[in-house]
Amino acid sequence: MSKTCNAPDCPSEAKARGYCWKHYGRVYRTGSLEEPERPGNGAVTQFIDNMMSSSSDECVYWPFARQPNGYGILTVSGRTYRAHRYICSKAHGDRERHIEAAHSCGNRLCVNPKHLRWATRVENQMDRVMHGTSNRGSRQWCNVLTEIDVRAIRVEVAKGRESQRKIAEKFGVGAKTINDIARRKTWAWLP
């Protein structure tokens, strides 16, 4: 016997976390079971036009559809764009190959054209480091070591009293990880 969807008045079979695929997707994307309001292209166009003529220096959030990672999206002539890229191209011209839309404010949700510029991938990543939004070090999802651990490992290796294998066992990582840290192949940005 299959369970029915937990959404009110939905007779469909539950597939994921107690919801049918339609309601699960809606909760995943919007955080709510309510049908999101879908503005017509007129509202999106009006918002973009107002944004382009605005003199505000504050961050402006995209009020329409968003991807799960937070970036706003819009569809123009059947093609889907990330909102910040689309607005950057309207404000600063079309992008060249291998160029990204970078946020000078460090806020990925912002679509203020004054905060957007075209930058290389390296420049964009350095902006993330400067703004503190990079996933380096202990902010990385699969991190085992902290900055304090890495500094302690470098001190241990510099002393030379224990083998790298013993140090690795102490910190719960592999010997290659210790070697890479000692040679600054990883965690090189940490002083």
N, C-alpha and C. Protein backbone atom coordinates (compact mmCIF):
# COMPACT_ATOMS: atom_id res chain seq x y z
N MET A 1 0.84 -1.17 0.00
CA MET A 1 0.00 0.00 0.00
C MET A 1 0.89 1.24 0.00
N SER A 2 0.67 2.12 -0.94
CA SER A 2 1.50 3.31 -1.05
C SER A 2 0.88 4.47 -0.28
N LYS A 3 1.74 5.36 0.18
CA LYS A 3 1.29 6.53 0.91
C LYS A 3 0.93 7.63 -0.08
N THR A 4 0.02 8.49 0.34
CA THR A 4 -0.34 9.62 -0.51
C THR A 4 0.48 10.84 -0.10
N CYS A 5 0.53 11.79 -0.99
CA CYS A 5 1.30 13.02 -0.79
C CYS A 5 0.80 13.76 0.46
N ASN A 6 1.73 14.35 1.22
CA ASN A 6 1.39 15.09 2.44
C ASN A 6 0.78 16.46 2.14
N ALA A 7 0.86 16.92 0.89
CA ALA A 7 0.27 18.22 0.54
C ALA A 7 -1.25 18.13 0.65
N PRO A 8 -1.89 19.16 1.16
CA PRO A 8 -3.35 19.14 1.29
C PRO A 8 -4.04 18.94 -0.06
N ASP A 9 -5.05 18.08 -0.08
CA ASP A 9 -5.87 17.81 -1.26
C ASP A 9 -5.09 17.27 -2.45
N CYS A 10 -3.99 16.59 -2.21
CA CYS A 10 -3.23 15.99 -3.31
C CYS A 10 -3.36 14.47 -3.23
N PRO A 11 -4.01 13.84 -4.21
CA PRO A 11 -4.21 12.39 -4.16
C PRO A 11 -3.01 11.59 -4.72
N SER A 12 -1.97 12.26 -5.20
CA SER A 12 -0.84 11.57 -5.82
C SER A 12 -0.05 10.75 -4.81
N GLU A 13 0.70 9.80 -5.33
CA GLU A 13 1.52 8.92 -4.50
C GLU A 13 2.76 9.66 -4.02
N ALA A 14 3.12 9.47 -2.74
CA ALA A 14 4.31 10.10 -2.17
C ALA A 14 5.55 9.44 -2.73
N LYS A 15 6.51 10.25 -3.18
CA LYS A 15 7.74 9.74 -3.77
C LYS A 15 8.98 10.15 -2.98
N ALA A 16 9.02 11.38 -2.49
CA ALA A 16 10.20 11.88 -1.81
C ALA A 16 9.80 12.71 -0.60
N ARG A 17 10.33 12.35 0.56
CA ARG A 17 10.07 13.07 1.81
C ARG A 17 8.59 13.31 2.07
N GLY A 18 7.76 12.36 1.69
CA GLY A 18 6.33 12.42 1.96
C GLY A 18 5.53 13.21 0.93
N TYR A 19 6.17 13.69 -0.14
CA TYR A 19 5.47 14.46 -1.16
C TYR A 19 5.55 13.77 -2.51
N CYS A 20 4.60 14.10 -3.38
CA CYS A 20 4.70 13.67 -4.77
C CYS A 20 5.81 14.49 -5.42
N TRP A 21 6.20 14.12 -6.64
CA TRP A 21 7.31 14.82 -7.30
C TRP A 21 7.01 16.31 -7.48
N LYS A 22 5.78 16.65 -7.83
CA LYS A 22 5.43 18.06 -8.06
C LYS A 22 5.61 18.88 -6.78
N HIS A 23 5.06 18.39 -5.67
CA HIS A 23 5.14 19.15 -4.42
C HIS A 23 6.54 19.11 -3.81
N TYR A 24 7.25 17.99 -3.97
CA TYR A 24 8.62 17.92 -3.48
C TYR A 24 9.49 18.95 -4.20
N GLY A 25 9.35 19.03 -5.52
CA GLY A 25 10.11 20.00 -6.30
C GLY A 25 9.79 21.43 -5.89
N ARG A 26 8.53 21.70 -5.62
CA ARG A 26 8.11 23.05 -5.22
C ARG A 26 8.71 23.42 -3.87
N VAL A 27 8.69 22.47 -2.90
CA VAL A 27 9.27 22.73 -1.58
C VAL A 27 10.78 22.91 -1.70
N TYR A 28 11.41 22.10 -2.55
CA TYR A 28 12.87 22.19 -2.74
C TYR A 28 13.26 23.55 -3.33
N ARG A 29 12.51 24.01 -4.33
CA ARG A 29 12.84 25.26 -5.02
C ARG A 29 12.46 26.50 -4.23
N THR A 30 11.28 26.48 -3.60
CA THR A 30 10.76 27.71 -2.99
C THR A 30 10.66 27.64 -1.47
N GLY A 31 10.74 26.45 -0.89
CA GLY A 31 10.60 26.32 0.55
C GLY A 31 9.15 26.33 1.02
N SER A 32 8.21 26.28 0.09
CA SER A 32 6.80 26.36 0.43
C SER A 32 5.99 25.46 -0.50
N LEU A 33 4.83 25.03 -0.03
CA LEU A 33 3.93 24.25 -0.87
C LEU A 33 3.08 25.13 -1.77
N GLU A 34 3.05 26.42 -1.49
CA GLU A 34 2.22 27.35 -2.26
C GLU A 34 2.78 27.50 -3.67
N GLU A 35 1.89 27.64 -4.63
CA GLU A 35 2.29 27.88 -6.02
C GLU A 35 2.92 29.27 -6.09
N PRO A 36 4.18 29.37 -6.57
CA PRO A 36 4.79 30.70 -6.63
C PRO A 36 4.11 31.58 -7.66
N GLU A 37 4.08 32.86 -7.35
CA GLU A 37 3.48 33.79 -8.28
C GLU A 37 4.40 33.92 -9.48
N ARG A 38 3.86 33.75 -10.66
CA ARG A 38 4.66 33.82 -11.88
C ARG A 38 4.34 35.14 -12.58
N PRO A 39 5.27 36.07 -12.48
CA PRO A 39 5.01 37.35 -13.12
C PRO A 39 5.10 37.23 -14.63
N GLY A 40 4.36 38.03 -15.33
CA GLY A 40 4.47 38.06 -16.78
C GLY A 40 5.78 38.72 -17.16
N ASN A 41 6.18 38.58 -18.40
CA ASN A 41 7.42 39.20 -18.84
C ASN A 41 7.39 40.71 -18.68
N GLY A 42 6.19 41.28 -18.65
CA GLY A 42 6.07 42.72 -18.45
C GLY A 42 6.64 43.16 -17.12
N ALA A 43 6.37 42.39 -16.06
CA ALA A 43 6.88 42.74 -14.73
C ALA A 43 8.40 42.62 -14.68
N VAL A 44 8.94 41.57 -15.30
CA VAL A 44 10.39 41.37 -15.32
C VAL A 44 11.05 42.50 -16.11
N THR A 45 10.50 42.80 -17.28
CA THR A 45 11.05 43.86 -18.12
C THR A 45 11.00 45.21 -17.40
N GLN A 46 9.89 45.48 -16.72
CA GLN A 46 9.76 46.73 -15.99
C GLN A 46 10.78 46.80 -14.85
N PHE A 47 10.98 45.68 -14.14
CA PHE A 47 11.96 45.65 -13.06
C PHE A 47 13.36 45.94 -13.60
N ILE A 48 13.72 45.31 -14.72
CA ILE A 48 15.05 45.51 -15.30
C ILE A 48 15.22 46.96 -15.77
N ASP A 49 14.20 47.51 -16.42
CA ASP A 49 14.27 48.90 -16.87
C ASP A 49 14.44 49.86 -15.69
N ASN A 50 13.69 49.62 -14.61
CA ASN A 50 13.83 50.46 -13.41
C ASN A 50 15.22 50.32 -12.81
N MET A 51 15.75 49.10 -12.84
CA MET A 51 17.07 48.84 -12.29
C MET A 51 18.15 49.58 -13.08
N MET A 52 18.03 49.57 -14.41
CA MET A 52 19.04 50.19 -15.26
C MET A 52 19.05 51.72 -15.09
N SER A 53 17.91 52.30 -14.77
CA SER A 53 17.84 53.75 -14.61
C SER A 53 18.00 54.19 -13.16
N SER A 54 18.13 53.25 -12.25
CA SER A 54 18.24 53.57 -10.82
C SER A 54 19.63 54.11 -10.50
N SER A 55 19.68 54.99 -9.51
CA SER A 55 20.97 55.53 -9.07
C SER A 55 21.37 54.97 -7.70
N SER A 56 20.68 53.95 -7.25
CA SER A 56 20.92 53.37 -5.93
C SER A 56 22.27 52.64 -5.88
N ASP A 57 22.96 52.79 -4.76
CA ASP A 57 24.21 52.06 -4.54
C ASP A 57 24.01 50.85 -3.63
N GLU A 58 22.78 50.63 -3.20
CA GLU A 58 22.46 49.49 -2.33
C GLU A 58 22.33 48.21 -3.15
N CYS A 59 22.52 47.06 -2.49
CA CYS A 59 22.27 45.78 -3.15
C CYS A 59 20.78 45.68 -3.47
N VAL A 60 20.48 45.14 -4.65
CA VAL A 60 19.10 44.94 -5.07
C VAL A 60 18.92 43.45 -5.34
N TYR A 61 17.96 42.84 -4.68
CA TYR A 61 17.73 41.41 -4.82
C TYR A 61 16.76 41.11 -5.95
N TRP A 62 17.03 40.04 -6.67
CA TRP A 62 16.15 39.60 -7.75
C TRP A 62 14.86 39.07 -7.14
N PRO A 63 13.70 39.68 -7.43
CA PRO A 63 12.46 39.30 -6.75
C PRO A 63 11.70 38.15 -7.41
N PHE A 64 12.21 37.64 -8.52
CA PHE A 64 11.46 36.63 -9.26
C PHE A 64 12.09 35.25 -9.05
N ALA A 65 11.97 34.37 -9.99
CA ALA A 65 12.41 32.97 -9.85
C ALA A 65 13.90 32.89 -9.55
N ARG A 66 14.24 31.88 -8.72
CA ARG A 66 15.64 31.65 -8.36
C ARG A 66 15.97 30.18 -8.50
N GLN A 67 17.24 29.92 -8.74
CA GLN A 67 17.73 28.55 -8.73
C GLN A 67 17.95 28.14 -7.28
N PRO A 68 18.09 26.84 -7.00
CA PRO A 68 18.34 26.42 -5.62
C PRO A 68 19.61 27.03 -5.02
N ASN A 69 20.59 27.39 -5.84
CA ASN A 69 21.82 28.00 -5.31
C ASN A 69 21.66 29.49 -5.03
N GLY A 70 20.49 30.06 -5.29
CA GLY A 70 20.22 31.45 -4.95
C GLY A 70 20.28 32.43 -6.09
N TYR A 71 20.92 32.07 -7.20
CA TYR A 71 21.01 32.98 -8.33
C TYR A 71 19.63 33.14 -8.97
N GLY A 72 19.29 34.38 -9.29
CA GLY A 72 18.03 34.65 -9.98
C GLY A 72 18.09 34.18 -11.42
N ILE A 73 16.94 33.78 -11.96
CA ILE A 73 16.89 33.35 -13.35
C ILE A 73 15.74 34.04 -14.06
N LEU A 74 15.86 34.20 -15.37
CA LEU A 74 14.79 34.74 -16.18
C LEU A 74 14.86 34.11 -17.56
N THR A 75 13.73 34.13 -18.24
CA THR A 75 13.65 33.57 -19.58
C THR A 75 13.34 34.70 -20.56
N VAL A 76 14.17 34.80 -21.59
CA VAL A 76 13.99 35.81 -22.63
C VAL A 76 14.00 35.09 -23.97
N SER A 77 12.92 35.22 -24.73
CA SER A 77 12.79 34.59 -26.04
C SER A 77 13.07 33.09 -25.97
N GLY A 78 12.57 32.44 -24.93
CA GLY A 78 12.69 31.00 -24.80
C GLY A 78 14.02 30.52 -24.26
N ARG A 79 14.94 31.42 -23.97
CA ARG A 79 16.25 31.04 -23.44
C ARG A 79 16.36 31.50 -21.99
N THR A 80 16.87 30.63 -21.11
CA THR A 80 16.99 30.95 -19.70
C THR A 80 18.37 31.52 -19.40
N TYR A 81 18.39 32.60 -18.64
CA TYR A 81 19.63 33.27 -18.25
C TYR A 81 19.68 33.41 -16.74
N ARG A 82 20.88 33.50 -16.19
CA ARG A 82 21.02 33.93 -14.81
C ARG A 82 20.82 35.44 -14.81
N ALA A 83 20.05 35.94 -13.87
CA ALA A 83 19.65 37.34 -13.87
C ALA A 83 20.86 38.28 -13.80
N HIS A 84 21.84 37.97 -12.96
CA HIS A 84 22.97 38.88 -12.82
C HIS A 84 23.79 38.95 -14.11
N ARG A 85 23.89 37.84 -14.85
CA ARG A 85 24.62 37.85 -16.12
C ARG A 85 23.85 38.67 -17.17
N TYR A 86 22.55 38.48 -17.20
CA TYR A 86 21.72 39.20 -18.17
C TYR A 86 21.81 40.71 -17.92
N ILE A 87 21.69 41.12 -16.67
CA ILE A 87 21.74 42.54 -16.34
C ILE A 87 23.14 43.10 -16.57
N CYS A 88 24.16 42.32 -16.30
CA CYS A 88 25.54 42.75 -16.56
C CYS A 88 25.74 43.00 -18.06
N SER A 89 25.19 42.12 -18.89
CA SER A 89 25.33 42.32 -20.34
C SER A 89 24.54 43.54 -20.81
N LYS A 90 23.39 43.82 -20.19
CA LYS A 90 22.62 45.01 -20.55
C LYS A 90 23.37 46.28 -20.13
N ALA A 91 24.06 46.23 -19.00
CA ALA A 91 24.74 47.42 -18.47
C ALA A 91 26.14 47.62 -19.06
N HIS A 92 26.85 46.52 -19.33
CA HIS A 92 28.26 46.63 -19.71
C HIS A 92 28.58 45.99 -21.06
N GLY A 93 27.59 45.62 -21.82
CA GLY A 93 27.82 45.01 -23.13
C GLY A 93 27.97 43.51 -23.03
N ASP A 94 27.95 42.85 -24.18
CA ASP A 94 28.07 41.39 -24.20
C ASP A 94 29.44 40.95 -23.69
N ARG A 95 29.44 39.78 -23.10
CA ARG A 95 30.68 39.26 -22.52
C ARG A 95 31.51 38.56 -23.58
N GLU A 96 32.79 38.53 -23.31
CA GLU A 96 33.70 37.78 -24.16
C GLU A 96 33.74 36.34 -23.65
N ARG A 97 34.36 35.49 -24.41
CA ARG A 97 34.49 34.09 -24.02
C ARG A 97 35.36 33.98 -22.77
N HIS A 98 35.02 33.08 -21.88
CA HIS A 98 35.75 32.80 -20.63
C HIS A 98 35.74 34.00 -19.67
N ILE A 99 34.71 34.81 -19.73
CA ILE A 99 34.56 35.94 -18.82
C ILE A 99 33.29 35.70 -18.00
N GLU A 100 33.33 36.06 -16.72
CA GLU A 100 32.20 35.84 -15.81
C GLU A 100 31.67 37.17 -15.29
N ALA A 101 30.43 37.17 -14.87
CA ALA A 101 29.85 38.33 -14.20
C ALA A 101 30.25 38.26 -12.73
N ALA A 102 30.96 39.28 -12.27
CA ALA A 102 31.46 39.31 -10.89
C ALA A 102 30.70 40.37 -10.09
N HIS A 103 30.49 40.07 -8.81
CA HIS A 103 29.80 40.99 -7.91
C HIS A 103 30.84 41.75 -7.09
N SER A 104 30.88 43.05 -7.20
CA SER A 104 31.83 43.83 -6.39
C SER A 104 31.40 43.88 -4.93
N CYS A 105 30.11 43.62 -4.68
CA CYS A 105 29.59 43.64 -3.31
C CYS A 105 29.76 42.29 -2.61
N GLY A 106 30.07 41.23 -3.36
CA GLY A 106 30.23 39.90 -2.77
C GLY A 106 28.91 39.20 -2.48
N ASN A 107 27.79 39.74 -2.97
CA ASN A 107 26.47 39.19 -2.69
C ASN A 107 25.92 38.56 -3.96
N ARG A 108 25.85 37.24 -4.02
CA ARG A 108 25.41 36.55 -5.24
C ARG A 108 23.95 36.82 -5.60
N LEU A 109 23.17 37.28 -4.66
CA LEU A 109 21.76 37.56 -4.93
C LEU A 109 21.54 38.95 -5.52
N CYS A 110 22.55 39.80 -5.50
CA CYS A 110 22.43 41.18 -5.95
C CYS A 110 22.43 41.26 -7.48
N VAL A 111 21.56 42.13 -8.01
CA VAL A 111 21.50 42.36 -9.45
C VAL A 111 21.63 43.85 -9.79
N ASN A 112 22.15 44.64 -8.87
CA ASN A 112 22.37 46.06 -9.12
C ASN A 112 23.48 46.18 -10.16
N PRO A 113 23.23 46.83 -11.32
CA PRO A 113 24.25 46.91 -12.37
C PRO A 113 25.53 47.63 -11.91
N LYS A 114 25.42 48.47 -10.89
CA LYS A 114 26.62 49.15 -10.37
C LYS A 114 27.53 48.19 -9.62
N HIS A 115 26.98 47.07 -9.17
CA HIS A 115 27.78 46.08 -8.42
C HIS A 115 28.30 44.96 -9.32
N LEU A 116 27.91 44.98 -10.60
CA LEU A 116 28.28 43.90 -11.51
C LEU A 116 29.32 44.38 -12.51
N ARG A 117 30.23 43.48 -12.88
CA ARG A 117 31.23 43.77 -13.90
C ARG A 117 31.68 42.46 -14.52
N TRP A 118 32.28 42.54 -15.70
CA TRP A 118 32.85 41.35 -16.33
C TRP A 118 34.25 41.15 -15.78
N ALA A 119 34.58 39.90 -15.44
CA ALA A 119 35.90 39.59 -14.89
C ALA A 119 36.31 38.19 -15.33
N THR A 120 37.61 37.94 -15.29
CA THR A 120 38.08 36.59 -15.59
C THR A 120 37.74 35.68 -14.42
N ARG A 121 37.85 34.40 -14.61
CA ARG A 121 37.56 33.45 -13.54
C ARG A 121 38.49 33.68 -12.35
N VAL A 122 39.76 33.93 -12.61
CA VAL A 122 40.72 34.16 -11.53
C VAL A 122 40.33 35.41 -10.74
N GLU A 123 39.98 36.49 -11.44
CA GLU A 123 39.58 37.72 -10.76
C GLU A 123 38.32 37.49 -9.92
N ASN A 124 37.37 36.74 -10.46
CA ASN A 124 36.13 36.44 -9.74
C ASN A 124 36.42 35.61 -8.48
N GLN A 125 37.30 34.63 -8.60
CA GLN A 125 37.65 33.80 -7.44
C GLN A 125 38.40 34.62 -6.39
N MET A 126 39.26 35.52 -6.82
CA MET A 126 39.97 36.38 -5.86
C MET A 126 39.00 37.32 -5.15
N ASP A 127 37.98 37.79 -5.87
CA ASP A 127 36.93 38.58 -5.23
C ASP A 127 36.25 37.77 -4.12
N ARG A 128 35.98 36.50 -4.39
CA ARG A 128 35.34 35.64 -3.39
C ARG A 128 36.22 35.50 -2.15
N VAL A 129 37.52 35.37 -2.35
CA VAL A 129 38.44 35.27 -1.21
C VAL A 129 38.41 36.58 -0.43
N MET A 130 38.46 37.71 -1.15
CA MET A 130 38.46 39.02 -0.51
C MET A 130 37.17 39.27 0.27
N HIS A 131 36.01 38.83 -0.27
CA HIS A 131 34.72 39.05 0.38
C HIS A 131 34.43 38.00 1.46
N GLY A 132 35.23 36.94 1.52
CA GLY A 132 35.00 35.89 2.51
C GLY A 132 33.90 34.92 2.11
N THR A 133 33.57 34.85 0.82
CA THR A 133 32.54 33.93 0.36
C THR A 133 33.12 32.70 -0.33
N SER A 134 34.43 32.58 -0.33
CA SER A 134 35.09 31.42 -0.93
C SER A 134 34.94 30.21 -0.01
N ASN A 135 34.98 29.03 -0.58
CA ASN A 135 34.86 27.83 0.25
C ASN A 135 36.23 27.22 0.52
N ARG A 136 37.22 28.05 0.72
CA ARG A 136 38.56 27.57 1.03
C ARG A 136 38.63 27.09 2.47
N GLY A 137 39.56 26.17 2.69
CA GLY A 137 39.88 25.74 4.05
C GLY A 137 38.73 25.07 4.76
N SER A 138 38.46 25.50 5.97
CA SER A 138 37.44 24.84 6.80
C SER A 138 36.03 25.14 6.32
N ARG A 139 35.84 26.06 5.37
CA ARG A 139 34.51 26.33 4.83
C ARG A 139 34.12 25.31 3.76
N GLN A 140 35.07 24.51 3.33
CA GLN A 140 34.78 23.52 2.29
C GLN A 140 33.95 22.40 2.88
N TRP A 141 33.01 21.88 2.10
CA TRP A 141 32.04 20.91 2.61
C TRP A 141 32.69 19.62 3.09
N CYS A 142 33.79 19.18 2.48
CA CYS A 142 34.38 17.89 2.86
C CYS A 142 35.62 18.06 3.72
N ASN A 143 35.76 19.20 4.34
CA ASN A 143 36.95 19.51 5.12
C ASN A 143 37.10 18.58 6.32
N VAL A 144 38.34 18.19 6.57
CA VAL A 144 38.67 17.39 7.74
C VAL A 144 39.50 18.23 8.71
N LEU A 145 40.36 19.05 8.15
CA LEU A 145 41.28 19.85 8.95
C LEU A 145 40.79 21.28 9.08
N THR A 146 41.20 21.94 10.14
CA THR A 146 40.93 23.36 10.32
C THR A 146 42.23 24.12 10.09
N GLU A 147 42.15 25.45 10.07
CA GLU A 147 43.34 26.27 9.90
C GLU A 147 44.33 26.04 11.05
N ILE A 148 43.80 25.85 12.24
CA ILE A 148 44.66 25.60 13.41
C ILE A 148 45.40 24.27 13.24
N ASP A 149 44.68 23.24 12.73
CA ASP A 149 45.32 21.94 12.47
C ASP A 149 46.45 22.08 11.46
N VAL A 150 46.22 22.84 10.40
CA VAL A 150 47.23 22.98 9.35
C VAL A 150 48.47 23.68 9.89
N ARG A 151 48.27 24.71 10.69
CA ARG A 151 49.42 25.38 11.30
C ARG A 151 50.19 24.44 12.22
N ALA A 152 49.45 23.64 13.00
CA ALA A 152 50.10 22.67 13.89
C ALA A 152 50.87 21.62 13.09
N ILE A 153 50.30 21.17 11.97
CA ILE A 153 50.98 20.19 11.12
C ILE A 153 52.27 20.77 10.58
N ARG A 154 52.25 22.02 10.13
CA ARG A 154 53.47 22.64 9.61
C ARG A 154 54.54 22.76 10.68
N VAL A 155 54.13 23.06 11.92
CA VAL A 155 55.09 23.13 13.02
C VAL A 155 55.68 21.75 13.29
N GLU A 156 54.84 20.72 13.33
CA GLU A 156 55.30 19.34 13.57
C GLU A 156 56.29 18.89 12.50
N VAL A 157 55.96 19.18 11.23
CA VAL A 157 56.84 18.77 10.14
C VAL A 157 58.16 19.52 10.22
N ALA A 158 58.10 20.82 10.54
CA ALA A 158 59.32 21.63 10.63
C ALA A 158 60.23 21.13 11.74
N LYS A 159 59.65 20.66 12.84
CA LYS A 159 60.46 20.13 13.94
C LYS A 159 61.19 18.86 13.50
N GLY A 160 60.55 18.04 12.70
CA GLY A 160 61.17 16.82 12.17
C GLY A 160 61.33 15.70 13.17
N ARG A 161 60.63 15.73 14.28
CA ARG A 161 60.75 14.70 15.31
C ARG A 161 59.96 13.44 14.98
N GLU A 162 58.84 13.62 14.25
CA GLU A 162 57.98 12.49 13.89
C GLU A 162 57.88 12.38 12.38
N SER A 163 57.61 11.15 11.94
CA SER A 163 57.43 10.94 10.50
C SER A 163 56.08 11.55 10.08
N GLN A 164 55.98 11.82 8.79
CA GLN A 164 54.72 12.37 8.28
C GLN A 164 53.59 11.37 8.44
N ARG A 165 53.91 10.09 8.41
CA ARG A 165 52.88 9.06 8.61
C ARG A 165 52.31 9.14 10.02
N LYS A 166 53.18 9.33 11.02
CA LYS A 166 52.71 9.45 12.42
C LYS A 166 51.86 10.72 12.60
N ILE A 167 52.31 11.80 11.97
CA ILE A 167 51.54 13.05 12.05
C ILE A 167 50.17 12.85 11.40
N ALA A 168 50.14 12.15 10.27
CA ALA A 168 48.89 11.89 9.57
C ALA A 168 47.93 11.09 10.44
N GLU A 169 48.44 10.07 11.13
CA GLU A 169 47.59 9.27 12.03
C GLU A 169 47.02 10.13 13.15
N LYS A 170 47.84 11.03 13.66
CA LYS A 170 47.42 11.90 14.76
C LYS A 170 46.24 12.80 14.34
N PHE A 171 46.25 13.26 13.07
CA PHE A 171 45.22 14.17 12.59
C PHE A 171 44.13 13.48 11.79
N GLY A 172 44.23 12.18 11.59
CA GLY A 172 43.18 11.43 10.90
C GLY A 172 43.13 11.66 9.40
N VAL A 173 44.29 11.90 8.80
CA VAL A 173 44.36 12.09 7.35
C VAL A 173 45.47 11.20 6.79
N GLY A 174 45.63 11.22 5.48
CA GLY A 174 46.67 10.42 4.85
C GLY A 174 48.02 11.11 4.88
N ALA A 175 49.09 10.33 4.69
CA ALA A 175 50.45 10.87 4.69
C ALA A 175 50.65 11.84 3.53
N LYS A 176 50.00 11.59 2.40
CA LYS A 176 50.12 12.49 1.25
C LYS A 176 49.54 13.86 1.59
N THR A 177 48.47 13.89 2.35
CA THR A 177 47.88 15.17 2.77
C THR A 177 48.89 15.97 3.59
N ILE A 178 49.59 15.30 4.50
CA ILE A 178 50.60 15.97 5.32
C ILE A 178 51.73 16.49 4.43
N ASN A 179 52.15 15.68 3.48
CA ASN A 179 53.22 16.08 2.56
C ASN A 179 52.78 17.29 1.73
N ASP A 180 51.55 17.26 1.23
CA ASP A 180 51.04 18.38 0.43
C ASP A 180 50.95 19.66 1.26
N ILE A 181 50.56 19.54 2.51
CA ILE A 181 50.48 20.72 3.39
C ILE A 181 51.88 21.25 3.67
N ALA A 182 52.83 20.36 3.95
CA ALA A 182 54.20 20.77 4.26
C ALA A 182 54.85 21.46 3.06
N ARG A 183 54.56 20.99 1.85
CA ARG A 183 55.14 21.56 0.63
C ARG A 183 54.31 22.73 0.10
N ARG A 184 53.22 23.08 0.82
CA ARG A 184 52.29 24.15 0.46
C ARG A 184 51.64 23.92 -0.90
N LYS A 185 51.45 22.64 -1.21
CA LYS A 185 50.71 22.29 -2.42
C LYS A 185 49.21 22.46 -2.17
N THR A 186 48.78 22.24 -0.94
CA THR A 186 47.42 22.54 -0.50
C THR A 186 47.52 23.51 0.68
N TRP A 187 46.46 24.24 0.91
CA TRP A 187 46.41 25.24 1.97
C TRP A 187 47.53 26.26 1.80
N ALA A 188 47.94 26.53 0.56
CA ALA A 188 49.05 27.44 0.29
C ALA A 188 48.73 28.86 0.70
N TRP A 189 47.47 29.22 0.67
CA TRP A 189 47.06 30.58 1.01
C TRP A 189 47.19 30.88 2.49
N LEU A 190 47.28 29.82 3.31
CA LEU A 190 47.35 30.02 4.76
C LEU A 190 48.79 30.29 5.16
N PRO A 191 49.05 31.40 5.85
CA PRO A 191 50.44 31.73 6.24
C PRO A 191 51.00 30.77 7.26
